[in-house]
Structure formats: C-alpha cells, structure tokens
C-alpha cells in the first residue's frame, strides 16, 4: 500500500494529483524518475556508487540504501511510472525532526544549459547559498503531543536570511515549541549535535572524506539531518543521523576535490560548532513566523 510521505520537508510532493514520491509499509521510499537526463543520471549514480569499492562502507552509510528501480502507479494518476526505490530514512522514527540542507554555493553543474544555470544562480543569490555555502530547503520540528510539528511554509523558508538560518539551527534542538520560540534554549544541542554519535561527529567524518575525495562532484545535493525528538523528551537515544540525498546532478570529479560541496559542509559545521560552544549571542531575533 503506497502513500505520500508524512515527513517530507522539501522537493516535489505527491499531493493534489501531482507527481511525487511515495512510501510503503516496509520502510521503502519510491522517488519518481525524471523523464530527462536527470533521471538517468541519478540511476547511474546509485548503481555506480553502490558497487564502487573505492568508497568505504563508513561513508556509504551516509547515503540511502538503494534497491533498484520499479514501475509503480504514479501519484498523479497517469499510470505506471519508473521510480527509484531506496531506504525511507525516517521510517524508524516515531516523531522525526528533519532539516533538509542543500549544500554548495553553486547548485548547477558545468554541463547545464544556460537557462538552467541562470535559474539556479537566481535561487542561489536570493538565498543563503552564496553567502553561507548552503541553504535550508525545508524543516520540521516536533514540539510535543499538544503542538505537534512545526513546519514552516516553503515560501517563508526561501526568504531565510543568515540570521534566520542560525535561528532555525537553534530551534531544531530546543525544548520550547519552535513556532513561538524567540530565544531558543538549545537544550538538546549536546544530545543531538554533540557526542560520538551526534550529527557533528557524522558531519566531520563526511568532511574528512570530502577533503580527499576526487571521484565525484555533488551539485545540488542535500544533507538531511534527522533525530527523534520524542525519544529525547523521554530521555532515550536521539537516533541523530545524517543522509545525503538528491543525486541528479552528480558528475565525475576527474581527480579534483569538490570544493563547492566541501565549502558548504564546512560552513554548516561552523554554525553548529558556534551553537555547541555558545558563541552565538542570545539574540532576541524576530520569530521566523514573522517573516
């Protein structure tokens, strides 16, 4: 039985008769293949990446498990459509808090058409991609049984400034309901971001690989940061994890380090480090909902 994902925060959604990803009850995620070269390129990436023995298993764990392709009834009602089948990253979480971070100051790949480059350049310039080296594409934070999930509107997220991004990273790990929280306490920062199995440790491990990796260049890819806030509220393990997603614009590295991705990753690490060290001042910024 297929259905639209409950916790999708970015990308095309399988709602209102539109084509989008689906999930099933076995923990698998079905992403419809794009009909142009992007769909073929993403399949090629998964097939090649999965079988590449040069990439250590310790790094492959940061990528969704790949189960091939499958014809599935499309969510837009147009009949059977080829889908990528991969791991549903949040299927094991009861109340997942999720942040989608698109990495890189430049989200277009060199071989793209001029029209596509200009489209991406406009988005990059109008967001924090150029200024920070990454932008938040979507997020949700679980605020407890009464408030449910805080999930800012995507149009609002597109307008995030640098201060909004910093505030969102703090709200992501705070105890108060995120929507009205003007001064996040970051109460769960040490639990979620820090520690040997925290998000920071995982980001740094990924960074170490990208500092030497010259096989591939990852344009317009995102890092999903996930944890189970309900578990944290009950004193249990957060299950904090990162996963890279969206590989339609991955190209060969040809022996050159992917400085575009590495730079954005370092910037994200820097902002989370500031939260952990308390070097971000307790600014009483306007609530993100006031934007």
C-alpha atoms as a PDB file:
ATOM      1  CA  UNK A   1       0.000   0.000   0.000  1.00  0.00           C
ATOM      2  CA  UNK A   2       1.578   3.254  -1.166  1.00  0.00           C
ATOM      3  CA  UNK A   3       1.019   6.687   0.317  1.00  0.00           C
ATOM      4  CA  UNK A   4       2.604  10.146   0.282  1.00  0.00           C
ATOM      5  CA  UNK A   5       5.405  10.534   2.851  1.00  0.00           C
ATOM      6  CA  UNK A   6       4.246  12.038   6.133  1.00  0.00           C
ATOM      7  CA  UNK A   7       7.538  13.748   6.940  1.00  0.00           C
ATOM      8  CA  UNK A   8       8.771  15.077   3.604  1.00  0.00           C
ATOM      9  CA  UNK A   9      10.056  18.633   4.049  1.00  0.00           C
ATOM     10  CA  UNK A  10      11.391  19.522   0.577  1.00  0.00           C
ATOM     11  CA  UNK A  11      11.057  18.553  -3.073  1.00  0.00           C
ATOM     12  CA  UNK A  12       8.006  17.661  -5.160  1.00  0.00           C
ATOM     13  CA  UNK A  13       5.134  16.221  -3.150  1.00  0.00           C
ATOM     14  CA  UNK A  14       2.583  13.578  -4.132  1.00  0.00           C
ATOM     15  CA  UNK A  15      -0.366  15.805  -3.256  1.00  0.00           C
ATOM     16  CA  UNK A  16      -3.344  17.218  -5.136  1.00  0.00           C
ATOM     17  CA  UNK A  17      -2.840  14.986  -8.150  1.00  0.00           C
ATOM     18  CA  UNK A  18       0.822  15.890  -8.622  1.00  0.00           C
ATOM     19  CA  UNK A  19       3.720  13.541  -9.290  1.00  0.00           C
ATOM     20  CA  UNK A  20       5.818  12.968  -6.204  1.00  0.00           C
ATOM     21  CA  UNK A  21       7.486  10.329  -4.049  1.00  0.00           C
ATOM     22  CA  UNK A  22       5.657   7.555  -2.219  1.00  0.00           C
ATOM     23  CA  UNK A  23       6.416   5.258   0.699  1.00  0.00           C
ATOM     24  CA  UNK A  24       5.217   1.783   1.651  1.00  0.00           C
ATOM     25  CA  UNK A  25       4.839  -0.127   4.910  1.00  0.00           C
ATOM     26  CA  UNK A  26       8.179  -1.926   4.568  1.00  0.00           C
ATOM     27  CA  UNK A  27      10.332   1.176   5.011  1.00  0.00           C
ATOM     28  CA  UNK A  28      10.995   1.901   1.353  1.00  0.00           C
ATOM     29  CA  UNK A  29      10.856   5.253  -0.443  1.00  0.00           C
ATOM     30  CA  UNK A  30       9.820   5.489  -4.107  1.00  0.00           C
ATOM     31  CA  UNK A  31      11.094   8.528  -5.986  1.00  0.00           C
ATOM     32  CA  UNK A  32       9.649   9.060  -9.481  1.00  0.00           C
ATOM     33  CA  UNK A  33      12.368   9.264 -12.116  1.00  0.00           C
ATOM     34  CA  UNK A  34      12.542  12.482 -14.076  1.00  0.00           C
ATOM     35  CA  UNK A  35      11.965  11.905 -17.772  1.00  0.00           C
ATOM     36  CA  UNK A  36      15.042  13.801 -18.970  1.00  0.00           C
ATOM     37  CA  UNK A  37      18.731  13.033 -18.446  1.00  0.00           C
ATOM     38  CA  UNK A  38      18.446  13.825 -14.743  1.00  0.00           C
ATOM     39  CA  UNK A  39      16.524  10.628 -14.058  1.00  0.00           C
ATOM     40  CA  UNK A  40      19.057   8.503 -15.932  1.00  0.00           C
ATOM     41  CA  UNK A  41      21.933  10.263 -14.214  1.00  0.00           C
ATOM     42  CA  UNK A  42      20.519   9.565 -10.742  1.00  0.00           C
ATOM     43  CA  UNK A  43      20.057   5.862 -11.514  1.00  0.00           C
ATOM     44  CA  UNK A  44      23.598   5.713 -12.885  1.00  0.00           C
ATOM     45  CA  UNK A  45      24.891   7.358  -9.720  1.00  0.00           C
ATOM     46  CA  UNK A  46      23.223   4.877  -7.382  1.00  0.00           C
ATOM     47  CA  UNK A  47      24.330   1.847  -9.403  1.00  0.00           C
ATOM     48  CA  UNK A  48      27.930   3.045  -9.685  1.00  0.00           C
ATOM     49  CA  UNK A  49      28.176   4.350  -6.108  1.00  0.00           C
ATOM     50  CA  UNK A  50      26.784   1.193  -4.551  1.00  0.00           C
ATOM     51  CA  UNK A  51      29.308  -1.023  -6.353  1.00  0.00           C
ATOM     52  CA  UNK A  52      32.319   1.305  -6.036  1.00  0.00           C
ATOM     53  CA  UNK A  53      34.863  -0.419  -3.792  1.00  0.00           C
ATOM     54  CA  UNK A  54      36.953   2.769  -3.511  1.00  0.00           C
ATOM     55  CA  UNK A  55      34.275   4.309  -1.300  1.00  0.00           C
ATOM     56  CA  UNK A  56      34.469   2.973   2.266  1.00  0.00           C
ATOM     57  CA  UNK A  57      31.396   1.488   3.914  1.00  0.00           C
ATOM     58  CA  UNK A  58      31.781   4.042   6.702  1.00  0.00           C
ATOM     59  CA  UNK A  59      30.928   6.719   4.108  1.00  0.00           C
ATOM     60  CA  UNK A  60      28.274   4.728   2.260  1.00  0.00           C
ATOM     61  CA  UNK A  61      26.237   4.655   5.470  1.00  0.00           C
ATOM     62  CA  UNK A  62      25.588   8.364   4.936  1.00  0.00           C
ATOM     63  CA  UNK A  63      23.696   7.557   1.734  1.00  0.00           C
ATOM     64  CA  UNK A  64      20.261   5.899   1.471  1.00  0.00           C
ATOM     65  CA  UNK A  65      20.258   2.176   0.755  1.00  0.00           C
ATOM     66  CA  UNK A  66      19.396   1.584  -2.904  1.00  0.00           C
ATOM     67  CA  UNK A  67      17.051  -1.200  -4.021  1.00  0.00           C
ATOM     68  CA  UNK A  68      16.961  -0.565  -7.770  1.00  0.00           C
ATOM     69  CA  UNK A  69      14.096   0.769  -9.873  1.00  0.00           C
ATOM     70  CA  UNK A  70      10.475  -0.304 -10.103  1.00  0.00           C
ATOM     71  CA  UNK A  71       7.383   0.547 -12.115  1.00  0.00           C
ATOM     72  CA  UNK A  72       4.852   1.996  -9.688  1.00  0.00           C
ATOM     73  CA  UNK A  73       1.442   3.578 -10.184  1.00  0.00           C
ATOM     74  CA  UNK A  74       2.233   7.291 -10.346  1.00  0.00           C
ATOM     75  CA  UNK A  75       0.741   9.587  -7.724  1.00  0.00           C
ATOM     76  CA  UNK A  76      -0.628  11.904 -10.442  1.00  0.00           C
ATOM     77  CA  UNK A  77      -2.861   9.163 -11.852  1.00  0.00           C
ATOM     78  CA  UNK A  78      -1.048   8.845 -15.186  1.00  0.00           C
ATOM     79  CA  UNK A  79      -0.352   5.131 -14.805  1.00  0.00           C
ATOM     80  CA  UNK A  80       2.819   3.150 -14.280  1.00  0.00           C
ATOM     81  CA  UNK A  81       5.971   5.237 -13.934  1.00  0.00           C
ATOM     82  CA  UNK A  82       9.582   4.198 -13.167  1.00  0.00           C
ATOM     83  CA  UNK A  83      10.660   5.005  -9.621  1.00  0.00           C
ATOM     84  CA  UNK A  84      13.940   4.825  -7.747  1.00  0.00           C
ATOM     85  CA  UNK A  85      13.481   2.522  -4.760  1.00  0.00           C
ATOM     86  CA  UNK A  86      15.533   3.388  -1.705  1.00  0.00           C
ATOM     87  CA  UNK A  87      15.514   3.405   2.055  1.00  0.00           C
ATOM     88  CA  UNK A  88      12.846   5.542   3.743  1.00  0.00           C
ATOM     89  CA  UNK A  89      15.211   7.438   6.006  1.00  0.00           C
ATOM     90  CA  UNK A  90      12.640   8.377   8.667  1.00  0.00           C
ATOM     91  CA  UNK A  91      10.633   5.128   8.770  1.00  0.00           C
ATOM     92  CA  UNK A  92      12.147   4.039  12.098  1.00  0.00           C
ATOM     93  CA  UNK A  93      11.452   7.353  13.834  1.00  0.00           C
ATOM     94  CA  UNK A  94       8.214   7.924  15.768  1.00  0.00           C
ATOM     95  CA  UNK A  95       8.273  11.734  15.711  1.00  0.00           C
ATOM     96  CA  UNK A  96      11.157  12.795  13.467  1.00  0.00           C
ATOM     97  CA  UNK A  97      12.528  16.301  13.456  1.00  0.00           C
ATOM     98  CA  UNK A  98      14.005  16.807   9.979  1.00  0.00           C
ATOM     99  CA  UNK A  99      16.077  19.504   8.274  1.00  0.00           C
ATOM    100  CA  UNK A 100      16.956  19.473   4.567  1.00  0.00           C
ATOM    101  CA  UNK A 101      20.145  21.445   3.900  1.00  0.00           C
ATOM    102  CA  UNK A 102      21.108  21.987   0.262  1.00  0.00           C
ATOM    103  CA  UNK A 103      24.900  22.123   0.147  1.00  0.00           C
ATOM    104  CA  UNK A 104      27.065  24.339  -2.062  1.00  0.00           C
ATOM    105  CA  UNK A 105      27.237  27.999  -3.018  1.00  0.00           C
ATOM    106  CA  UNK A 106      26.598  26.898  -6.593  1.00  0.00           C
ATOM    107  CA  UNK A 107      23.842  24.392  -7.352  1.00  0.00           C
ATOM    108  CA  UNK A 108      24.255  23.969 -11.101  1.00  0.00           C
ATOM    109  CA  UNK A 109      26.628  21.546 -12.786  1.00  0.00           C
ATOM    110  CA  UNK A 110      29.053  22.725 -15.522  1.00  0.00           C
ATOM    111  CA  UNK A 111      27.298  20.957 -18.411  1.00  0.00           C
ATOM    112  CA  UNK A 112      23.895  22.512 -17.632  1.00  0.00           C
ATOM    113  CA  UNK A 113      22.098  24.691 -20.162  1.00  0.00           C
ATOM    114  CA  UNK A 114      22.396  28.458 -19.888  1.00  0.00           C
ATOM    115  CA  UNK A 115      18.716  28.741 -18.931  1.00  0.00           C
ATOM    116  CA  UNK A 116      19.152  26.221 -16.114  1.00  0.00           C
ATOM    117  CA  UNK A 117      22.314  27.953 -14.881  1.00  0.00           C
ATOM    118  CA  UNK A 118      20.541  31.307 -14.722  1.00  0.00           C
ATOM    119  CA  UNK A 119      17.583  29.752 -12.906  1.00  0.00           C
ATOM    120  CA  UNK A 120      19.871  28.177 -10.294  1.00  0.00           C
ATOM    121  CA  UNK A 121      22.030  31.280  -9.999  1.00  0.00           C
ATOM    122  CA  UNK A 122      18.956  33.368  -9.195  1.00  0.00           C
ATOM    123  CA  UNK A 123      17.880  30.953  -6.447  1.00  0.00           C
ATOM    124  CA  UNK A 124      21.406  30.746  -5.043  1.00  0.00           C
ATOM    125  CA  UNK A 125      21.825  34.519  -4.962  1.00  0.00           C
ATOM    126  CA  UNK A 126      18.415  35.147  -3.382  1.00  0.00           C
ATOM    127  CA  UNK A 127      19.001  32.556  -0.648  1.00  0.00           C
ATOM    128  CA  UNK A 128      21.940  31.918   1.692  1.00  0.00           C
ATOM    129  CA  UNK A 129      23.622  29.557  -0.778  1.00  0.00           C
ATOM    130  CA  UNK A 130      26.077  32.213  -1.927  1.00  0.00           C
ATOM    131  CA  UNK A 131      26.621  33.866   1.454  1.00  0.00           C
ATOM    132  CA  UNK A 132      26.826  30.709   3.601  1.00  0.00           C
ATOM    133  CA  UNK A 133      27.584  27.964   1.093  1.00  0.00           C
ATOM    134  CA  UNK A 134      24.293  26.230   1.897  1.00  0.00           C
ATOM    135  CA  UNK A 135      20.604  26.933   2.343  1.00  0.00           C
ATOM    136  CA  UNK A 136      17.779  25.306   4.256  1.00  0.00           C
ATOM    137  CA  UNK A 137      15.262  23.819   1.803  1.00  0.00           C
ATOM    138  CA  UNK A 138      12.788  22.539   4.377  1.00  0.00           C
ATOM    139  CA  UNK A 139      12.382  21.550   8.006  1.00  0.00           C
ATOM    140  CA  UNK A 140      10.027  20.273  10.638  1.00  0.00           C
ATOM    141  CA  UNK A 141      10.449  20.140  14.394  1.00  0.00           C
ATOM    142  CA  UNK A 142       8.349  18.020  16.721  1.00  0.00           C
ATOM    143  CA  UNK A 143       7.038  20.206  19.551  1.00  0.00           C
ATOM    144  CA  UNK A 144       5.227  17.591  21.627  1.00  0.00           C
ATOM    145  CA  UNK A 145       1.785  15.944  21.682  1.00  0.00           C
ATOM    146  CA  UNK A 146      -0.140  19.214  22.096  1.00  0.00           C
ATOM    147  CA  UNK A 147       1.578  21.317  19.419  1.00  0.00           C
ATOM    148  CA  UNK A 148       2.530  18.531  17.005  1.00  0.00           C
ATOM    149  CA  UNK A 149       5.011  19.513  14.298  1.00  0.00           C
ATOM    150  CA  UNK A 150       6.261  22.986  13.456  1.00  0.00           C
ATOM    151  CA  UNK A 151       6.729  23.028   9.686  1.00  0.00           C
ATOM    152  CA  UNK A 152       7.380  26.491   8.228  1.00  0.00           C
ATOM    153  CA  UNK A 153       5.920  27.280   4.823  1.00  0.00           C
ATOM    154  CA  UNK A 154       8.364  26.718   1.969  1.00  0.00           C
ATOM    155  CA  UNK A 155       7.870  30.246   0.642  1.00  0.00           C
ATOM    156  CA  UNK A 156       8.932  31.526   4.046  1.00  0.00           C
ATOM    157  CA  UNK A 157      11.986  29.264   4.096  1.00  0.00           C
ATOM    158  CA  UNK A 158      13.108  30.533   0.681  1.00  0.00           C
ATOM    159  CA  UNK A 159      13.426  34.004   2.230  1.00  0.00           C
ATOM    160  CA  UNK A 160      15.633  32.870   5.117  1.00  0.00           C
ATOM    161  CA  UNK A 161      18.472  35.264   5.883  1.00  0.00           C
ATOM    162  CA  UNK A 162      21.726  34.239   7.558  1.00  0.00           C
ATOM    163  CA  UNK A 163      20.191  35.098  10.954  1.00  0.00           C
ATOM    164  CA  UNK A 164      17.113  33.021  10.125  1.00  0.00           C
ATOM    165  CA  UNK A 165      19.308  30.030   9.309  1.00  0.00           C
ATOM    166  CA  UNK A 166      21.199  30.399  12.589  1.00  0.00           C
ATOM    167  CA  UNK A 167      17.908  30.662  14.464  1.00  0.00           C
ATOM    168  CA  UNK A 168      16.474  27.599  12.709  1.00  0.00           C
ATOM    169  CA  UNK A 169      19.549  25.526  13.658  1.00  0.00           C
ATOM    170  CA  UNK A 170      18.953  26.530  17.275  1.00  0.00           C
ATOM    171  CA  UNK A 171      15.209  25.910  17.183  1.00  0.00           C
ATOM    172  CA  UNK A 172      15.916  22.462  15.772  1.00  0.00           C
ATOM    173  CA  UNK A 173      17.417  21.406  19.118  1.00  0.00           C
ATOM    174  CA  UNK A 174      15.438  23.496  21.611  1.00  0.00           C
ATOM    175  CA  UNK A 175      12.883  22.403  24.190  1.00  0.00           C
ATOM    176  CA  UNK A 176      10.229  25.110  23.724  1.00  0.00           C
ATOM    177  CA  UNK A 177       7.645  24.979  20.901  1.00  0.00           C
ATOM    178  CA  UNK A 178       9.582  26.173  17.871  1.00  0.00           C
ATOM    179  CA  UNK A 179       6.924  28.347  16.256  1.00  0.00           C
ATOM    180  CA  UNK A 180       6.747  30.844  19.114  1.00  0.00           C
ATOM    181  CA  UNK A 181      10.277  30.420  20.436  1.00  0.00           C
ATOM    182  CA  UNK A 182      12.038  33.769  20.064  1.00  0.00           C
ATOM    183  CA  UNK A 183      15.081  32.803  22.132  1.00  0.00           C
ATOM    184  CA  UNK A 184      15.787  29.062  21.698  1.00  0.00           C
ATOM    185  CA  UNK A 185      17.464  27.401  24.667  1.00  0.00           C
ATOM    186  CA  UNK A 186      19.273  24.741  22.569  1.00  0.00           C
ATOM    187  CA  UNK A 187      18.534  22.318  25.415  1.00  0.00           C
ATOM    188  CA  UNK A 188      19.091  19.269  23.213  1.00  0.00           C
ATOM    189  CA  UNK A 189      22.153  20.547  21.332  1.00  0.00           C
ATOM    190  CA  UNK A 190      24.568  18.362  23.280  1.00  0.00           C
ATOM    191  CA  UNK A 191      22.320  15.324  22.805  1.00  0.00           C
ATOM    192  CA  UNK A 192      21.630  15.779  19.081  1.00  0.00           C
ATOM    193  CA  UNK A 193      24.582  17.725  17.695  1.00  0.00           C
ATOM    194  CA  UNK A 194      27.373  16.633  20.049  1.00  0.00           C
ATOM    195  CA  UNK A 195      28.804  13.307  21.168  1.00  0.00           C
ATOM    196  CA  UNK A 196      30.498  10.437  19.361  1.00  0.00           C
ATOM    197  CA  UNK A 197      27.284   9.518  17.535  1.00  0.00           C
ATOM    198  CA  UNK A 198      25.876  13.039  17.175  1.00  0.00           C
ATOM    199  CA  UNK A 199      25.293  14.991  13.998  1.00  0.00           C
ATOM    200  CA  UNK A 200      28.530  16.977  14.376  1.00  0.00           C
ATOM    201  CA  UNK A 201      30.651  13.824  14.575  1.00  0.00           C
ATOM    202  CA  UNK A 202      28.971  12.477  11.436  1.00  0.00           C
ATOM    203  CA  UNK A 203      29.408  15.761   9.539  1.00  0.00           C
ATOM    204  CA  UNK A 204      33.093  15.828  10.445  1.00  0.00           C
ATOM    205  CA  UNK A 205      33.558  12.256   9.256  1.00  0.00           C
ATOM    206  CA  UNK A 206      31.914  13.210   5.964  1.00  0.00           C
ATOM    207  CA  UNK A 207      34.134  16.314   5.774  1.00  0.00           C
ATOM    208  CA  UNK A 208      37.273  14.200   6.173  1.00  0.00           C
ATOM    209  CA  UNK A 209      36.224  12.127   3.174  1.00  0.00           C
ATOM    210  CA  UNK A 210      35.425  15.172   1.027  1.00  0.00           C
ATOM    211  CA  UNK A 211      38.837  16.662   1.824  1.00  0.00           C
ATOM    212  CA  UNK A 212      40.448  13.845  -0.206  1.00  0.00           C
ATOM    213  CA  UNK A 213      37.630  12.577  -2.435  1.00  0.00           C
ATOM    214  CA  UNK A 214      38.119  13.369  -6.135  1.00  0.00           C
ATOM    215  CA  UNK A 215      35.851  10.731  -7.705  1.00  0.00           C
ATOM    216  CA  UNK A 216      32.612  12.721  -7.805  1.00  0.00           C
ATOM    217  CA  UNK A 217      31.269  16.270  -7.558  1.00  0.00           C
ATOM    218  CA  UNK A 218      27.911  16.613  -5.791  1.00  0.00           C
ATOM    219  CA  UNK A 219      25.950  19.560  -7.205  1.00  0.00           C
ATOM    220  CA  UNK A 220      22.538  20.441  -5.756  1.00  0.00           C
ATOM    221  CA  UNK A 221      22.660  17.628  -3.196  1.00  0.00           C
ATOM    222  CA  UNK A 222      21.171  17.923   0.266  1.00  0.00           C
ATOM    223  CA  UNK A 223      22.132  16.676   3.684  1.00  0.00           C
ATOM    224  CA  UNK A 224      19.143  15.509   5.699  1.00  0.00           C
ATOM    225  CA  UNK A 225      19.628  15.901   9.448  1.00  0.00           C
ATOM    226  CA  UNK A 226      17.188  13.757  11.432  1.00  0.00           C
ATOM    227  CA  UNK A 227      16.528  12.871  15.053  1.00  0.00           C
ATOM    228  CA  UNK A 228      13.641  11.614  17.156  1.00  0.00           C
ATOM    229  CA  UNK A 229      12.650  14.432  19.486  1.00  0.00           C
ATOM    230  CA  UNK A 230      10.009  12.340  21.234  1.00  0.00           C
ATOM    231  CA  UNK A 231      12.732   9.893  22.226  1.00  0.00           C
ATOM    232  CA  UNK A 232      14.853  12.751  23.544  1.00  0.00           C
ATOM    233  CA  UNK A 233      11.940  14.130  25.559  1.00  0.00           C
ATOM    234  CA  UNK A 234      11.671  10.723  27.254  1.00  0.00           C
ATOM    235  CA  UNK A 235      15.404  10.517  27.958  1.00  0.00           C
ATOM    236  CA  UNK A 236      16.103   7.984  25.223  1.00  0.00           C
ATOM    237  CA  UNK A 237      18.658   7.946  22.402  1.00  0.00           C
ATOM    238  CA  UNK A 238      18.008  10.642  19.801  1.00  0.00           C
ATOM    239  CA  UNK A 239      18.847   8.463  16.816  1.00  0.00           C
ATOM    240  CA  UNK A 240      20.585  11.515  15.314  1.00  0.00           C
ATOM    241  CA  UNK A 241      21.655  10.816  11.750  1.00  0.00           C
ATOM    242  CA  UNK A 242      22.631  12.486   8.502  1.00  0.00           C
ATOM    243  CA  UNK A 243      21.931  11.260   4.977  1.00  0.00           C
ATOM    244  CA  UNK A 244      22.864  12.707   1.606  1.00  0.00           C
ATOM    245  CA  UNK A 245      20.027  12.817  -0.930  1.00  0.00           C
ATOM    246  CA  UNK A 246      19.286  14.049  -4.470  1.00  0.00           C
ATOM    247  CA  UNK A 247      21.917  12.943  -6.972  1.00  0.00           C
ATOM    248  CA  UNK A 248      20.512  14.018 -10.342  1.00  0.00           C
ATOM    249  CA  UNK A 249      23.391  16.486 -10.788  1.00  0.00           C
ATOM    250  CA  UNK A 250      26.356  14.443  -9.624  1.00  0.00           C
ATOM    251  CA  UNK A 251      29.230  14.455 -12.154  1.00  0.00           C
ATOM    252  CA  UNK A 252      32.684  12.916 -12.390  1.00  0.00           C
ATOM    253  CA  UNK A 253      35.334  14.605 -10.257  1.00  0.00           C
ATOM    254  CA  UNK A 254      38.214  13.884 -12.659  1.00  0.00           C
ATOM    255  CA  UNK A 255      40.797  13.987  -9.881  1.00  0.00           C
ATOM    256  CA  UNK A 256      39.680  17.359  -8.481  1.00  0.00           C
ATOM    257  CA  UNK A 257      38.371  17.948  -4.941  1.00  0.00           C
ATOM    258  CA  UNK A 258      34.726  19.052  -4.745  1.00  0.00           C
ATOM    259  CA  UNK A 259      35.406  22.444  -3.153  1.00  0.00           C
ATOM    260  CA  UNK A 260      31.826  23.611  -3.755  1.00  0.00           C
ATOM    261  CA  UNK A 261      30.351  20.867  -1.539  1.00  0.00           C
ATOM    262  CA  UNK A 262      33.243  20.883   0.928  1.00  0.00           C
ATOM    263  CA  UNK A 263      32.958  24.640   1.464  1.00  0.00           C
ATOM    264  CA  UNK A 264      29.240  24.441   2.244  1.00  0.00           C
ATOM    265  CA  UNK A 265      29.774  21.489   4.554  1.00  0.00           C
ATOM    266  CA  UNK A 266      32.484  23.373   6.475  1.00  0.00           C
ATOM    267  CA  UNK A 267      30.153  26.362   6.823  1.00  0.00           C
ATOM    268  CA  UNK A 268      27.381  24.175   8.262  1.00  0.00           C
ATOM    269  CA  UNK A 269      29.847  22.616  10.714  1.00  0.00           C
ATOM    270  CA  UNK A 270      30.994  26.088  11.768  1.00  0.00           C
ATOM    271  CA  UNK A 271      27.472  27.269  12.615  1.00  0.00           C
ATOM    272  CA  UNK A 272      26.677  24.125  14.609  1.00  0.00           C
ATOM    273  CA  UNK A 273      30.025  24.480  16.423  1.00  0.00           C
ATOM    274  CA  UNK A 274      29.024  28.017  17.420  1.00  0.00           C
ATOM    275  CA  UNK A 275      25.825  26.630  18.954  1.00  0.00           C
ATOM    276  CA  UNK A 276      27.731  23.970  20.879  1.00  0.00           C
ATOM    277  CA  UNK A 277      30.327  26.430  22.184  1.00  0.00           C
ATOM    278  CA  UNK A 278      27.730  29.075  22.984  1.00  0.00           C
ATOM    279  CA  UNK A 279      29.410  31.658  20.790  1.00  0.00           C
ATOM    280  CA  UNK A 280      26.149  32.644  19.130  1.00  0.00           C
ATOM    281  CA  UNK A 281      24.817  35.505  21.272  1.00  0.00           C
ATOM    282  CA  UNK A 282      21.369  35.090  22.803  1.00  0.00           C
ATOM    283  CA  UNK A 283      19.810  37.333  20.180  1.00  0.00           C
ATOM    284  CA  UNK A 284      16.155  38.047  20.561  1.00  0.00           C
ATOM    285  CA  UNK A 285      15.536  37.728  16.855  1.00  0.00           C
ATOM    286  CA  UNK A 286      12.023  38.021  15.499  1.00  0.00           C
ATOM    287  CA  UNK A 287      10.244  34.695  15.229  1.00  0.00           C
ATOM    288  CA  UNK A 288      10.663  33.012  11.870  1.00  0.00           C
ATOM    289  CA  UNK A 289       6.885  33.122  11.587  1.00  0.00           C
ATOM    290  CA  UNK A 290       7.011  36.907  11.436  1.00  0.00           C
ATOM    291  CA  UNK A 291       8.934  36.867   8.126  1.00  0.00           C
END
